Amino acid sequence: QSTWAMLQQFFMTPTFRYALMMADDRKEENLVEKESGVLVDDNVLHQLQKMFGFLELSDRQDYNPHEFCFSFKDYEGQPVNVRIQYCLLYTSDAADDLLCVGLG
């Protein structure tokens, strides 16, 4: 299941959606200039709130997630490359599992 499918499921769960939109991380905007010269709030929670708020209030059924993708970082603190599928290795109590996260 891709990251987008997971985010769609989160959005379609009203309790989760509204809790996320009301969450306060008590952090100011962290405006960072992208390579295109555009200022972006480099905070993944703020970007999720922006995305969910847009989808909640807009008549449109789509959203350009370029700012979310910029704020979603890899292990080295770099924006993820949306053209690459990333695999995360994690350990559960029962067994070692491989979780692949793709943004495409």
C-alpha atoms as a PDB file:
ATOM      1  CA  GLN A   1       0.000   0.000   0.000  1.00  0.00           C
ATOM      2  CA  SER A   2       1.456   3.318  -1.017  1.00  0.00           C
ATOM      3  CA  THR A   3       1.819   6.353   1.196  1.00  0.00           C
ATOM      4  CA  TRP A   4      -0.888   8.098  -0.841  1.00  0.00           C
ATOM      5  CA  ALA A   5      -3.355   5.259  -0.242  1.00  0.00           C
ATOM      6  CA  MET A   6      -2.577   5.420   3.477  1.00  0.00           C
ATOM      7  CA  LEU A   7      -3.113   9.206   3.536  1.00  0.00           C
ATOM      8  CA  GLN A   8      -6.409   8.752   1.681  1.00  0.00           C
ATOM      9  CA  GLN A   9      -7.538   6.287   4.357  1.00  0.00           C
ATOM     10  CA  PHE A  10      -6.537   8.733   7.108  1.00  0.00           C
ATOM     11  CA  PHE A  11      -8.452  11.526   5.367  1.00  0.00           C
ATOM     12  CA  MET A  12     -11.534   9.349   4.924  1.00  0.00           C
ATOM     13  CA  THR A  13     -11.621   8.626   8.675  1.00  0.00           C
ATOM     14  CA  PRO A  14     -13.368  11.743  10.050  1.00  0.00           C
ATOM     15  CA  THR A  15     -12.204  11.273  13.648  1.00  0.00           C
ATOM     16  CA  PHE A  16      -8.575  11.034  12.563  1.00  0.00           C
ATOM     17  CA  ARG A  17      -8.912  13.833   9.997  1.00  0.00           C
ATOM     18  CA  TYR A  18     -10.409  16.326  12.457  1.00  0.00           C
ATOM     19  CA  ALA A  19      -7.989  15.380  15.244  1.00  0.00           C
ATOM     20  CA  LEU A  20      -5.056  15.919  12.894  1.00  0.00           C
ATOM     21  CA  MET A  21      -6.406  19.266  11.690  1.00  0.00           C
ATOM     22  CA  MET A  22      -6.853  20.447  15.302  1.00  0.00           C
ATOM     23  CA  ALA A  23      -3.443  19.205  16.485  1.00  0.00           C
ATOM     24  CA  ASP A  24      -1.088  21.914  17.727  1.00  0.00           C
ATOM     25  CA  ASP A  25       2.623  21.112  17.743  1.00  0.00           C
ATOM     26  CA  ARG A  26       3.330  24.561  19.228  1.00  0.00           C
ATOM     27  CA  LYS A  27       5.857  25.261  16.484  1.00  0.00           C
ATOM     28  CA  GLU A  28       6.011  28.355  14.346  1.00  0.00           C
ATOM     29  CA  GLU A  29       6.159  28.124  10.590  1.00  0.00           C
ATOM     30  CA  ASN A  30       9.603  27.040   9.439  1.00  0.00           C
ATOM     31  CA  LEU A  31       9.774  28.806   6.089  1.00  0.00           C
ATOM     32  CA  VAL A  32      12.476  27.376   3.836  1.00  0.00           C
ATOM     33  CA  GLU A  33      13.238  28.405   0.279  1.00  0.00           C
ATOM     34  CA  LYS A  34      12.925  25.586  -2.242  1.00  0.00           C
ATOM     35  CA  GLU A  35      15.167  25.444  -5.290  1.00  0.00           C
ATOM     36  CA  SER A  36      12.405  27.163  -7.265  1.00  0.00           C
ATOM     37  CA  GLY A  37      12.599  30.198  -4.944  1.00  0.00           C
ATOM     38  CA  VAL A  38       9.233  29.416  -3.345  1.00  0.00           C
ATOM     39  CA  LEU A  39       8.963  29.593   0.465  1.00  0.00           C
ATOM     40  CA  VAL A  40       7.565  26.412   2.042  1.00  0.00           C
ATOM     41  CA  ASP A  41       6.697  25.613   5.673  1.00  0.00           C
ATOM     42  CA  ASP A  42       9.115  22.732   6.279  1.00  0.00           C
ATOM     43  CA  ASN A  43       6.931  20.951   8.848  1.00  0.00           C
ATOM     44  CA  VAL A  44       5.220  17.710   7.837  1.00  0.00           C
ATOM     45  CA  LEU A  45       2.367  18.142  10.362  1.00  0.00           C
ATOM     46  CA  HIS A  46       1.611  21.630   9.084  1.00  0.00           C
ATOM     47  CA  GLN A  47       1.658  20.341   5.510  1.00  0.00           C
ATOM     48  CA  LEU A  48      -0.712  17.460   6.353  1.00  0.00           C
ATOM     49  CA  GLN A  49      -3.045  19.933   8.034  1.00  0.00           C
ATOM     50  CA  LYS A  50      -2.896  22.183   4.974  1.00  0.00           C
ATOM     51  CA  MET A  51      -3.611  19.250   2.641  1.00  0.00           C
ATOM     52  CA  PHE A  52      -6.491  17.871   4.705  1.00  0.00           C
ATOM     53  CA  GLY A  53      -7.974  21.356   5.200  1.00  0.00           C
ATOM     54  CA  PHE A  54      -7.831  22.036   1.471  1.00  0.00           C
ATOM     55  CA  LEU A  55      -9.486  18.716   0.634  1.00  0.00           C
ATOM     56  CA  GLU A  56     -12.109  19.236   3.354  1.00  0.00           C
ATOM     57  CA  LEU A  57     -13.119  22.742   2.252  1.00  0.00           C
ATOM     58  CA  SER A  58     -12.537  22.680  -1.493  1.00  0.00           C
ATOM     59  CA  ASP A  59     -14.868  21.491  -4.215  1.00  0.00           C
ATOM     60  CA  ARG A  60     -11.815  20.074  -5.963  1.00  0.00           C
ATOM     61  CA  GLN A  61     -10.973  16.402  -5.580  1.00  0.00           C
ATOM     62  CA  ASP A  62      -7.261  16.824  -6.130  1.00  0.00           C
ATOM     63  CA  TYR A  63      -4.367  18.502  -4.362  1.00  0.00           C
ATOM     64  CA  ASN A  64      -0.831  19.247  -5.502  1.00  0.00           C
ATOM     65  CA  PRO A  65       1.301  17.802  -2.690  1.00  0.00           C
ATOM     66  CA  HIS A  66       4.630  19.393  -3.720  1.00  0.00           C
ATOM     67  CA  GLU A  67       4.949  21.246  -0.382  1.00  0.00           C
ATOM     68  CA  PHE A  68       4.078  18.102   1.585  1.00  0.00           C
ATOM     69  CA  CYS A  69       6.668  16.127  -0.406  1.00  0.00           C
ATOM     70  CA  PHE A  70       9.286  18.794   0.368  1.00  0.00           C
ATOM     71  CA  SER A  71       8.549  18.564   4.111  1.00  0.00           C
ATOM     72  CA  PHE A  72       8.506  14.734   4.163  1.00  0.00           C
ATOM     73  CA  LYS A  73      12.165  13.847   4.830  1.00  0.00           C
ATOM     74  CA  ASP A  74      14.314  10.766   4.462  1.00  0.00           C
ATOM     75  CA  TYR A  75      16.690   9.495   7.173  1.00  0.00           C
ATOM     76  CA  GLU A  76      19.329  12.007   6.109  1.00  0.00           C
ATOM     77  CA  GLY A  77      16.972  14.974   6.463  1.00  0.00           C
ATOM     78  CA  GLN A  78      16.539  15.440   2.712  1.00  0.00           C
ATOM     79  CA  PRO A  79      13.148  15.772   0.984  1.00  0.00           C
ATOM     80  CA  VAL A  80      12.166  12.371  -0.359  1.00  0.00           C
ATOM     81  CA  ASN A  81      12.494  11.781  -4.069  1.00  0.00           C
ATOM     82  CA  VAL A  82       8.948  10.979  -5.179  1.00  0.00           C
ATOM     83  CA  ARG A  83      10.303   8.935  -8.071  1.00  0.00           C
ATOM     84  CA  ILE A  84      11.917   6.381  -5.716  1.00  0.00           C
ATOM     85  CA  GLN A  85      10.195   3.708  -3.628  1.00  0.00           C
ATOM     86  CA  TYR A  86      11.721   3.631  -0.158  1.00  0.00           C
ATOM     87  CA  CYS A  87      11.829   0.507   2.000  1.00  0.00           C
ATOM     88  CA  LEU A  88      11.955   0.789   5.767  1.00  0.00           C
ATOM     89  CA  LEU A  89      13.136  -2.122   7.864  1.00  0.00           C
ATOM     90  CA  TYR A  90      11.537  -2.420  11.268  1.00  0.00           C
ATOM     91  CA  THR A  91      11.319  -5.077  13.938  1.00  0.00           C
ATOM     92  CA  SER A  92       8.084  -6.221  15.527  1.00  0.00           C
ATOM     93  CA  ASP A  93       7.704  -8.564  18.504  1.00  0.00           C
ATOM     94  CA  ALA A  94       6.621 -11.416  16.253  1.00  0.00           C
ATOM     95  CA  ALA A  95       9.085 -11.136  13.376  1.00  0.00           C
ATOM     96  CA  ASP A  96      11.170  -8.870  11.224  1.00  0.00           C
ATOM     97  CA  ASP A  97       9.056  -7.236   8.549  1.00  0.00           C
ATOM     98  CA  LEU A  98       9.846  -5.175   5.505  1.00  0.00           C
ATOM     99  CA  LEU A  99       7.619  -2.159   4.930  1.00  0.00           C
ATOM    100  CA  CYS A 100       7.933  -0.504   1.547  1.00  0.00           C
ATOM    101  CA  VAL A 101       6.690   3.047   1.286  1.00  0.00           C
ATOM    102  CA  GLY A 102       6.162   4.486  -2.162  1.00  0.00           C
ATOM    103  CA  LEU A 103       5.045   8.026  -2.826  1.00  0.00           C
ATOM    104  CA  GLY A 104       3.996   7.272  -6.381  1.00  0.00           C
END
